[in-house]
Amino acid sequence: MHVQAGHPSPWFQLIPIAIILVVLTLRMRRLTRERPLKIEWLWVVPALYVVIAGVTFWNLPPSPMTWAVAFAALLAGAALGWQRGRMMHIKVNPETHEISQRGSLAAMAFIIVLVLIRTGARNAESLGIPGVHFDVMAMTDVLIAFALGMLTMQRVEMFLRARRLLEEARAA
């Protein structure tokens, strides 16, 4: 098979998909295990992501149209993040009041669907789907905003629910 310079072999496009599948397989194995949930640390990931998003938007400010779409993506991410947070299993040990969490298959399936949509959108133009063209920088800005909304609201929902469950366990 002859490949022209500048056009990677279609087989190279399968490498990221294989890596994603391996990571998701390993993650699925860990879903059934309960892990301690430290609600006082739930703010860390959103705070780090706010810094990353802020630096990204500061260094290369989006166009006004991209800002509008990114804001809509932030809101959509927040709504989906809240739903994903609701899918996480959280329980409080009634004797020790330790909080634990366990991922759900629905939450993992949710992430898989998002990854597939993103991969499909990113590769639509290279796959030759007619009429599809993406501004890569704008798409990146929109995905950063979406992820910020999703990561933040997932953890907000988990924090509020864990705190409520902890208060109920202490009252019992």
N, C-alpha and C. Protein backbone atom coordinates (compact mmCIF):
# COMPACT_ATOMS: atom_id res chain seq x y z
N MET A 1 0.85 -1.17 0.00
CA MET A 1 0.00 0.00 0.00
C MET A 1 0.89 1.22 0.00
N HIS A 2 0.63 2.15 -0.89
CA HIS A 2 1.42 3.37 -1.01
C HIS A 2 0.68 4.52 -0.33
N VAL A 3 1.41 5.21 0.56
CA VAL A 3 0.83 6.34 1.27
C VAL A 3 1.58 7.59 0.86
N GLN A 4 0.83 8.63 0.46
CA GLN A 4 1.47 9.88 0.06
C GLN A 4 1.98 10.62 1.30
N ALA A 5 3.03 11.42 1.07
CA ALA A 5 3.58 12.23 2.17
C ALA A 5 2.50 13.21 2.64
N GLY A 6 2.40 13.36 3.94
CA GLY A 6 1.43 14.28 4.51
C GLY A 6 0.08 13.64 4.77
N HIS A 7 -0.15 12.45 4.26
CA HIS A 7 -1.41 11.74 4.48
C HIS A 7 -1.09 10.46 5.24
N PRO A 8 -1.35 10.43 6.54
CA PRO A 8 -1.03 9.23 7.31
C PRO A 8 -1.91 8.06 6.89
N SER A 9 -1.37 6.90 7.06
CA SER A 9 -2.10 5.68 6.76
C SER A 9 -3.35 5.62 7.62
N PRO A 10 -4.44 5.09 7.09
CA PRO A 10 -5.66 4.94 7.89
C PRO A 10 -5.42 4.09 9.15
N TRP A 11 -4.43 3.22 9.08
CA TRP A 11 -4.13 2.39 10.26
C TRP A 11 -3.64 3.22 11.43
N PHE A 12 -2.96 4.35 11.15
CA PHE A 12 -2.49 5.22 12.24
C PHE A 12 -3.65 5.88 12.95
N GLN A 13 -4.78 6.03 12.28
CA GLN A 13 -5.95 6.61 12.92
C GLN A 13 -6.57 5.65 13.93
N LEU A 14 -6.24 4.38 13.83
CA LEU A 14 -6.76 3.39 14.76
C LEU A 14 -6.00 3.38 16.09
N ILE A 15 -4.79 3.93 16.10
CA ILE A 15 -3.98 3.92 17.33
C ILE A 15 -4.69 4.65 18.47
N PRO A 16 -5.19 5.90 18.27
CA PRO A 16 -5.89 6.55 19.39
C PRO A 16 -7.13 5.78 19.83
N ILE A 17 -7.83 5.17 18.90
CA ILE A 17 -9.01 4.39 19.25
C ILE A 17 -8.61 3.19 20.11
N ALA A 18 -7.51 2.52 19.74
CA ALA A 18 -7.03 1.38 20.53
C ALA A 18 -6.63 1.82 21.93
N ILE A 19 -5.96 2.95 22.04
CA ILE A 19 -5.55 3.46 23.36
C ILE A 19 -6.78 3.77 24.20
N ILE A 20 -7.77 4.42 23.61
CA ILE A 20 -9.00 4.74 24.33
C ILE A 20 -9.69 3.47 24.80
N LEU A 21 -9.74 2.46 23.95
CA LEU A 21 -10.38 1.19 24.34
C LEU A 21 -9.66 0.52 25.50
N VAL A 22 -8.33 0.54 25.48
CA VAL A 22 -7.57 -0.04 26.59
C VAL A 22 -7.84 0.71 27.89
N VAL A 23 -7.80 2.04 27.83
CA VAL A 23 -8.06 2.84 29.03
C VAL A 23 -9.48 2.59 29.55
N LEU A 24 -10.46 2.58 28.66
CA LEU A 24 -11.83 2.35 29.09
C LEU A 24 -12.02 0.94 29.66
N THR A 25 -11.34 -0.04 29.09
CA THR A 25 -11.43 -1.40 29.62
C THR A 25 -10.88 -1.46 31.05
N LEU A 26 -9.73 -0.84 31.26
CA LEU A 26 -9.15 -0.81 32.61
C LEU A 26 -10.06 -0.06 33.57
N ARG A 27 -10.66 1.02 33.09
CA ARG A 27 -11.56 1.82 33.93
C ARG A 27 -12.82 1.02 34.27
N MET A 28 -13.33 0.27 33.32
CA MET A 28 -14.54 -0.53 33.57
C MET A 28 -14.29 -1.57 34.66
N ARG A 29 -13.09 -2.12 34.70
CA ARG A 29 -12.77 -3.11 35.74
C ARG A 29 -12.82 -2.49 37.13
N ARG A 30 -12.46 -1.21 37.23
CA ARG A 30 -12.44 -0.54 38.53
C ARG A 30 -13.82 -0.05 38.97
N LEU A 31 -14.79 -0.07 38.08
CA LEU A 31 -16.11 0.47 38.41
C LEU A 31 -16.78 -0.24 39.57
N THR A 32 -16.58 -1.52 39.68
CA THR A 32 -17.29 -2.28 40.70
C THR A 32 -16.70 -2.11 42.09
N ARG A 33 -15.54 -1.51 42.19
CA ARG A 33 -14.89 -1.33 43.49
C ARG A 33 -15.34 -0.02 44.14
N GLU A 34 -15.61 -0.11 45.41
CA GLU A 34 -15.91 1.11 46.16
C GLU A 34 -14.60 1.80 46.52
N ARG A 35 -14.61 3.11 46.40
CA ARG A 35 -13.44 3.91 46.76
C ARG A 35 -13.88 4.98 47.74
N PRO A 36 -12.99 5.37 48.63
CA PRO A 36 -13.35 6.45 49.56
C PRO A 36 -13.62 7.73 48.77
N LEU A 37 -14.59 8.49 49.23
CA LEU A 37 -14.91 9.78 48.62
C LEU A 37 -14.62 10.86 49.64
N LYS A 38 -13.64 11.65 49.36
CA LYS A 38 -13.27 12.76 50.23
C LYS A 38 -13.94 14.02 49.69
N ILE A 39 -15.08 14.37 50.28
CA ILE A 39 -15.84 15.49 49.73
C ILE A 39 -15.10 16.81 49.83
N GLU A 40 -14.16 16.89 50.76
CA GLU A 40 -13.40 18.13 50.90
C GLU A 40 -12.40 18.33 49.76
N TRP A 41 -12.20 17.31 48.93
CA TRP A 41 -11.27 17.41 47.80
C TRP A 41 -11.97 17.48 46.45
N LEU A 42 -13.29 17.47 46.42
CA LEU A 42 -14.01 17.48 45.15
C LEU A 42 -13.81 18.77 44.35
N TRP A 43 -13.38 19.83 45.00
CA TRP A 43 -13.18 21.11 44.31
C TRP A 43 -11.89 21.15 43.50
N VAL A 44 -10.97 20.23 43.74
CA VAL A 44 -9.63 20.32 43.14
C VAL A 44 -9.67 20.21 41.62
N VAL A 45 -10.33 19.19 41.08
CA VAL A 45 -10.35 19.00 39.62
C VAL A 45 -11.01 20.19 38.92
N PRO A 46 -12.19 20.65 39.36
CA PRO A 46 -12.74 21.84 38.70
C PRO A 46 -11.84 23.06 38.81
N ALA A 47 -11.19 23.24 39.94
CA ALA A 47 -10.30 24.40 40.10
C ALA A 47 -9.12 24.32 39.12
N LEU A 48 -8.53 23.14 38.99
CA LEU A 48 -7.44 22.98 38.03
C LEU A 48 -7.92 23.22 36.61
N TYR A 49 -9.11 22.72 36.31
CA TYR A 49 -9.63 22.90 34.96
C TYR A 49 -10.00 24.34 34.68
N VAL A 50 -10.45 25.08 35.69
CA VAL A 50 -10.71 26.52 35.52
C VAL A 50 -9.41 27.23 35.15
N VAL A 51 -8.31 26.86 35.80
CA VAL A 51 -7.01 27.46 35.48
C VAL A 51 -6.61 27.11 34.04
N ILE A 52 -6.74 25.85 33.67
CA ILE A 52 -6.39 25.42 32.30
C ILE A 52 -7.24 26.17 31.28
N ALA A 53 -8.55 26.22 31.51
CA ALA A 53 -9.44 26.92 30.57
C ALA A 53 -9.11 28.41 30.53
N GLY A 54 -8.86 29.00 31.69
CA GLY A 54 -8.53 30.43 31.74
C GLY A 54 -7.27 30.75 30.96
N VAL A 55 -6.24 29.96 31.17
CA VAL A 55 -4.97 30.18 30.46
C VAL A 55 -5.17 29.99 28.96
N THR A 56 -5.92 28.97 28.58
CA THR A 56 -6.18 28.71 27.16
C THR A 56 -6.92 29.87 26.52
N PHE A 57 -7.98 30.34 27.17
CA PHE A 57 -8.77 31.43 26.60
C PHE A 57 -8.01 32.76 26.66
N TRP A 58 -7.14 32.93 27.63
CA TRP A 58 -6.36 34.17 27.75
C TRP A 58 -5.30 34.24 26.64
N ASN A 59 -4.61 33.12 26.41
CA ASN A 59 -3.55 33.10 25.40
C ASN A 59 -4.07 33.25 23.98
N LEU A 60 -5.15 32.59 23.67
CA LEU A 60 -5.76 32.66 22.33
C LEU A 60 -7.25 32.92 22.49
N PRO A 61 -7.63 34.19 22.67
CA PRO A 61 -9.05 34.48 22.90
C PRO A 61 -9.91 34.07 21.70
N PRO A 62 -11.04 33.42 21.98
CA PRO A 62 -11.93 33.01 20.90
C PRO A 62 -12.64 34.21 20.27
N SER A 63 -13.20 33.99 19.09
CA SER A 63 -14.01 35.02 18.43
C SER A 63 -15.32 35.17 19.21
N PRO A 64 -16.04 36.26 19.01
CA PRO A 64 -17.33 36.42 19.70
C PRO A 64 -18.30 35.26 19.44
N MET A 65 -18.31 34.77 18.21
CA MET A 65 -19.20 33.64 17.89
C MET A 65 -18.77 32.39 18.65
N THR A 66 -17.47 32.15 18.73
CA THR A 66 -16.98 30.99 19.47
C THR A 66 -17.28 31.14 20.96
N TRP A 67 -17.17 32.38 21.50
CA TRP A 67 -17.53 32.62 22.90
C TRP A 67 -18.98 32.20 23.14
N ALA A 68 -19.87 32.58 22.23
CA ALA A 68 -21.29 32.25 22.39
C ALA A 68 -21.52 30.74 22.36
N VAL A 69 -20.88 30.07 21.42
CA VAL A 69 -21.03 28.62 21.32
C VAL A 69 -20.38 27.94 22.53
N ALA A 70 -19.23 28.47 22.98
CA ALA A 70 -18.56 27.91 24.15
C ALA A 70 -19.42 28.07 25.40
N PHE A 71 -20.11 29.20 25.52
CA PHE A 71 -20.99 29.41 26.67
C PHE A 71 -22.15 28.40 26.64
N ALA A 72 -22.72 28.18 25.44
CA ALA A 72 -23.78 27.18 25.31
C ALA A 72 -23.24 25.79 25.66
N ALA A 73 -21.99 25.50 25.25
CA ALA A 73 -21.37 24.22 25.57
C ALA A 73 -21.13 24.09 27.07
N LEU A 74 -20.76 25.19 27.72
CA LEU A 74 -20.57 25.19 29.17
C LEU A 74 -21.88 24.81 29.86
N LEU A 75 -22.99 25.41 29.41
CA LEU A 75 -24.30 25.10 30.00
C LEU A 75 -24.70 23.65 29.72
N ALA A 76 -24.47 23.19 28.50
CA ALA A 76 -24.79 21.80 28.16
C ALA A 76 -23.93 20.85 28.98
N GLY A 77 -22.65 21.17 29.12
CA GLY A 77 -21.75 20.35 29.93
C GLY A 77 -22.18 20.32 31.38
N ALA A 78 -22.65 21.47 31.88
CA ALA A 78 -23.12 21.54 33.27
C ALA A 78 -24.33 20.63 33.47
N ALA A 79 -25.27 20.68 32.54
CA ALA A 79 -26.46 19.84 32.64
C ALA A 79 -26.09 18.36 32.57
N LEU A 80 -25.22 18.01 31.63
CA LEU A 80 -24.82 16.60 31.50
C LEU A 80 -23.94 16.16 32.67
N GLY A 81 -23.13 17.07 33.18
CA GLY A 81 -22.30 16.76 34.35
C GLY A 81 -23.16 16.46 35.58
N TRP A 82 -24.23 17.24 35.74
CA TRP A 82 -25.14 17.02 36.86
C TRP A 82 -25.75 15.62 36.74
N GLN A 83 -26.17 15.25 35.53
CA GLN A 83 -26.73 13.93 35.31
C GLN A 83 -25.70 12.84 35.58
N ARG A 84 -24.48 13.05 35.12
CA ARG A 84 -23.42 12.06 35.34
C ARG A 84 -23.13 11.92 36.83
N GLY A 85 -23.13 13.04 37.55
CA GLY A 85 -22.93 12.99 39.00
C GLY A 85 -24.02 12.20 39.70
N ARG A 86 -25.26 12.33 39.20
CA ARG A 86 -26.38 11.58 39.78
C ARG A 86 -26.24 10.08 39.54
N MET A 87 -25.49 9.70 38.50
CA MET A 87 -25.31 8.27 38.18
C MET A 87 -24.28 7.61 39.09
N MET A 88 -23.47 8.39 39.76
CA MET A 88 -22.43 7.83 40.63
C MET A 88 -23.09 7.29 41.91
N HIS A 89 -22.68 6.10 42.31
CA HIS A 89 -23.20 5.50 43.54
C HIS A 89 -22.41 6.04 44.73
N ILE A 90 -23.12 6.64 45.68
CA ILE A 90 -22.49 7.19 46.88
C ILE A 90 -23.20 6.59 48.08
N LYS A 91 -22.41 6.15 49.05
CA LYS A 91 -23.02 5.64 50.28
C LYS A 91 -22.19 6.05 51.48
N VAL A 92 -22.86 6.10 52.62
CA VAL A 92 -22.22 6.46 53.87
C VAL A 92 -22.31 5.26 54.81
N ASN A 93 -21.18 4.88 55.38
CA ASN A 93 -21.16 3.81 56.37
C ASN A 93 -21.88 4.34 57.61
N PRO A 94 -22.95 3.67 58.04
CA PRO A 94 -23.73 4.19 59.17
C PRO A 94 -22.96 4.24 60.50
N GLU A 95 -21.96 3.36 60.68
CA GLU A 95 -21.21 3.36 61.94
C GLU A 95 -20.04 4.35 61.93
N THR A 96 -19.27 4.33 60.85
CA THR A 96 -18.05 5.16 60.81
C THR A 96 -18.28 6.51 60.13
N HIS A 97 -19.40 6.64 59.42
CA HIS A 97 -19.73 7.86 58.65
C HIS A 97 -18.71 8.15 57.55
N GLU A 98 -18.02 7.11 57.11
CA GLU A 98 -17.11 7.28 55.97
C GLU A 98 -17.93 7.21 54.69
N ILE A 99 -17.58 8.07 53.76
CA ILE A 99 -18.31 8.15 52.50
C ILE A 99 -17.52 7.39 51.44
N SER A 100 -18.23 6.61 50.64
CA SER A 100 -17.58 5.89 49.55
C SER A 100 -18.37 6.10 48.27
N GLN A 101 -17.68 5.90 47.17
CA GLN A 101 -18.32 6.03 45.87
C GLN A 101 -17.97 4.84 45.02
N ARG A 102 -18.84 4.58 44.08
CA ARG A 102 -18.60 3.53 43.09
C ARG A 102 -19.17 4.06 41.79
N GLY A 103 -18.38 3.94 40.74
CA GLY A 103 -18.85 4.37 39.44
C GLY A 103 -19.98 3.50 38.96
N SER A 104 -20.69 3.99 37.98
CA SER A 104 -21.79 3.20 37.43
C SER A 104 -21.50 2.92 35.96
N LEU A 105 -22.06 1.83 35.48
CA LEU A 105 -21.91 1.51 34.06
C LEU A 105 -22.57 2.58 33.21
N ALA A 106 -23.67 3.15 33.68
CA ALA A 106 -24.35 4.21 32.93
C ALA A 106 -23.44 5.43 32.79
N ALA A 107 -22.73 5.78 33.87
CA ALA A 107 -21.82 6.93 33.80
C ALA A 107 -20.67 6.66 32.84
N MET A 108 -20.18 5.42 32.82
CA MET A 108 -19.10 5.08 31.90
C MET A 108 -19.62 5.06 30.46
N ALA A 109 -20.79 4.52 30.24
CA ALA A 109 -21.38 4.53 28.90
C ALA A 109 -21.58 5.96 28.42
N PHE A 110 -21.94 6.84 29.32
CA PHE A 110 -22.12 8.25 29.02
C PHE A 110 -20.82 8.85 28.49
N ILE A 111 -19.72 8.57 29.15
CA ILE A 111 -18.41 9.08 28.71
C ILE A 111 -18.01 8.47 27.38
N ILE A 112 -18.28 7.18 27.20
CA ILE A 112 -17.94 6.52 25.92
C ILE A 112 -18.69 7.19 24.77
N VAL A 113 -19.96 7.49 24.97
CA VAL A 113 -20.75 8.16 23.92
C VAL A 113 -20.16 9.53 23.62
N LEU A 114 -19.78 10.28 24.65
CA LEU A 114 -19.18 11.60 24.41
C LEU A 114 -17.87 11.49 23.64
N VAL A 115 -17.04 10.51 23.98
CA VAL A 115 -15.77 10.32 23.27
C VAL A 115 -16.04 9.95 21.82
N LEU A 116 -17.01 9.08 21.58
CA LEU A 116 -17.34 8.68 20.21
C LEU A 116 -17.86 9.87 19.39
N ILE A 117 -18.71 10.69 20.00
CA ILE A 117 -19.22 11.88 19.30
C ILE A 117 -18.07 12.82 18.96
N ARG A 118 -17.18 13.05 19.93
CA ARG A 118 -16.04 13.94 19.70
C ARG A 118 -15.15 13.39 18.60
N THR A 119 -14.85 12.09 18.66
CA THR A 119 -13.98 11.48 17.66
C THR A 119 -14.62 11.54 16.28
N GLY A 120 -15.91 11.26 16.22
CA GLY A 120 -16.62 11.33 14.94
C GLY A 120 -16.62 12.74 14.37
N ALA A 121 -16.86 13.73 15.22
CA ALA A 121 -16.87 15.12 14.76
C ALA A 121 -15.48 15.54 14.30
N ARG A 122 -14.48 15.14 15.04
CA ARG A 122 -13.11 15.52 14.68
C ARG A 122 -12.67 14.87 13.38
N ASN A 123 -13.11 13.66 13.14
CA ASN A 123 -12.68 12.93 11.95
C ASN A 123 -13.65 13.04 10.78
N ALA A 124 -14.75 13.77 10.95
CA ALA A 124 -15.76 13.86 9.89
C ALA A 124 -15.17 14.40 8.60
N GLU A 125 -14.39 15.44 8.71
CA GLU A 125 -13.81 16.04 7.51
C GLU A 125 -12.80 15.10 6.86
N SER A 126 -11.93 14.48 7.67
CA SER A 126 -10.92 13.59 7.10
C SER A 126 -11.53 12.31 6.54
N LEU A 127 -12.72 11.95 7.02
CA LEU A 127 -13.39 10.76 6.50
C LEU A 127 -14.13 11.05 5.20
N GLY A 128 -14.14 12.32 4.81
CA GLY A 128 -14.75 12.68 3.54
C GLY A 128 -16.25 12.88 3.59
N ILE A 129 -16.79 13.18 4.77
CA ILE A 129 -18.21 13.47 4.87
C ILE A 129 -18.43 14.85 4.25
N PRO A 130 -19.24 14.93 3.19
CA PRO A 130 -19.38 16.18 2.47
C PRO A 130 -20.04 17.28 3.31
N GLY A 131 -19.59 18.50 3.08
CA GLY A 131 -20.18 19.66 3.74
C GLY A 131 -19.78 19.85 5.18
N VAL A 132 -18.85 19.06 5.68
CA VAL A 132 -18.44 19.17 7.07
C VAL A 132 -17.05 19.80 7.13
N HIS A 133 -16.98 20.92 7.85
CA HIS A 133 -15.69 21.58 8.06
C HIS A 133 -15.70 22.18 9.45
N PHE A 134 -14.63 21.92 10.20
CA PHE A 134 -14.54 22.42 11.56
C PHE A 134 -13.34 23.32 11.71
N ASP A 135 -13.53 24.40 12.44
CA ASP A 135 -12.42 25.23 12.87
C ASP A 135 -11.88 24.53 14.12
N VAL A 136 -10.70 23.95 14.00
CA VAL A 136 -10.14 23.13 15.08
C VAL A 136 -9.98 23.93 16.37
N MET A 137 -9.51 25.16 16.26
CA MET A 137 -9.33 25.99 17.46
C MET A 137 -10.68 26.28 18.13
N ALA A 138 -11.69 26.60 17.33
CA ALA A 138 -13.01 26.87 17.89
C ALA A 138 -13.58 25.61 18.54
N MET A 139 -13.39 24.47 17.87
CA MET A 139 -13.89 23.22 18.42
C MET A 139 -13.20 22.90 19.75
N THR A 140 -11.90 23.17 19.83
CA THR A 140 -11.16 22.94 21.06
C THR A 140 -11.69 23.83 22.18
N ASP A 141 -11.93 25.11 21.87
CA ASP A 141 -12.48 26.04 22.87
C ASP A 141 -13.84 25.58 23.37
N VAL A 142 -14.67 25.13 22.45
CA VAL A 142 -16.00 24.66 22.83
C VAL A 142 -15.90 23.41 23.70
N LEU A 143 -15.02 22.50 23.35
CA LEU A 143 -14.86 21.27 24.16
C LEU A 143 -14.27 21.58 25.54
N ILE A 144 -13.39 22.57 25.63
CA ILE A 144 -12.85 22.97 26.93
C ILE A 144 -13.99 23.50 27.81
N ALA A 145 -14.84 24.34 27.24
CA ALA A 145 -15.97 24.89 27.99
C ALA A 145 -16.93 23.78 28.41
N PHE A 146 -17.20 22.85 27.49
CA PHE A 146 -18.09 21.74 27.80
C PHE A 146 -17.52 20.91 28.96
N ALA A 147 -16.24 20.57 28.87
CA ALA A 147 -15.61 19.76 29.92
C ALA A 147 -15.61 20.49 31.26
N LEU A 148 -15.37 21.80 31.23
CA LEU A 148 -15.40 22.58 32.47
C LEU A 148 -16.77 22.50 33.12
N GLY A 149 -17.83 22.68 32.34
CA GLY A 149 -19.18 22.58 32.89
C GLY A 149 -19.48 21.19 33.41
N MET A 150 -19.08 20.17 32.66
CA MET A 150 -19.37 18.80 33.06
C MET A 150 -18.61 18.40 34.33
N LEU A 151 -17.31 18.67 34.35
CA LEU A 151 -16.50 18.28 35.52
C LEU A 151 -16.95 19.02 36.78
N THR A 152 -17.26 20.29 36.62
CA THR A 152 -17.65 21.09 37.78
C THR A 152 -18.99 20.64 38.34
N MET A 153 -19.99 20.54 37.50
CA MET A 153 -21.32 20.21 38.00
C MET A 153 -21.43 18.76 38.46
N GLN A 154 -20.64 17.87 37.88
CA GLN A 154 -20.64 16.49 38.38
C GLN A 154 -20.19 16.49 39.83
N ARG A 155 -19.14 17.21 40.11
CA ARG A 155 -18.61 17.22 41.47
C ARG A 155 -19.49 18.02 42.42
N VAL A 156 -20.14 19.08 41.94
CA VAL A 156 -21.08 19.82 42.79
C VAL A 156 -22.23 18.90 43.20
N GLU A 157 -22.79 18.16 42.24
CA GLU A 157 -23.89 17.25 42.56
C GLU A 157 -23.44 16.18 43.54
N MET A 158 -22.27 15.63 43.31
CA MET A 158 -21.76 14.59 44.21
C MET A 158 -21.52 15.16 45.61
N PHE A 159 -20.98 16.36 45.70
CA PHE A 159 -20.74 16.99 46.99
C PHE A 159 -22.05 17.20 47.75
N LEU A 160 -23.04 17.79 47.08
CA LEU A 160 -24.31 18.07 47.74
C LEU A 160 -25.00 16.78 48.21
N ARG A 161 -24.98 15.77 47.36
CA ARG A 161 -25.62 14.51 47.73
C ARG A 161 -24.87 13.81 48.84
N ALA A 162 -23.54 13.78 48.77
CA ALA A 162 -22.74 13.12 49.82
C ALA A 162 -22.93 13.84 51.16
N ARG A 163 -22.96 15.16 51.12
CA ARG A 163 -23.16 15.92 52.37
C ARG A 163 -24.54 15.64 52.96
N ARG A 164 -25.56 15.57 52.10
CA ARG A 164 -26.91 15.26 52.58
C ARG A 164 -26.97 13.86 53.17
N LEU A 165 -26.36 12.87 52.49
CA LEU A 165 -26.35 11.50 53.01
C LEU A 165 -25.60 11.41 54.33
N LEU A 166 -24.52 12.17 54.45
CA LEU A 166 -23.75 12.18 55.70
C LEU A 166 -24.58 12.78 56.84
N GLU A 167 -25.30 13.87 56.56
CA GLU A 167 -26.15 14.47 57.59
C GLU A 167 -27.26 13.52 58.02
N GLU A 168 -27.84 12.79 57.05
CA GLU A 168 -28.89 11.80 57.37
C GLU A 168 -28.31 10.68 58.22
N ALA A 169 -27.10 10.23 57.92
CA ALA A 169 -26.49 9.14 58.70
C ALA A 169 -26.18 9.61 60.12
N ARG A 170 -25.75 10.85 60.28
CA ARG A 170 -25.46 11.37 61.63
C ARG A 170 -26.72 11.56 62.44
N ALA A 171 -27.83 11.89 61.78
CA ALA A 171 -29.09 12.12 62.47
C ALA A 171 -29.72 10.79 62.90
N ALA A 172 -29.39 9.72 62.21
CA ALA A 172 -30.01 8.42 62.52
C ALA A 172 -29.44 7.77 63.74
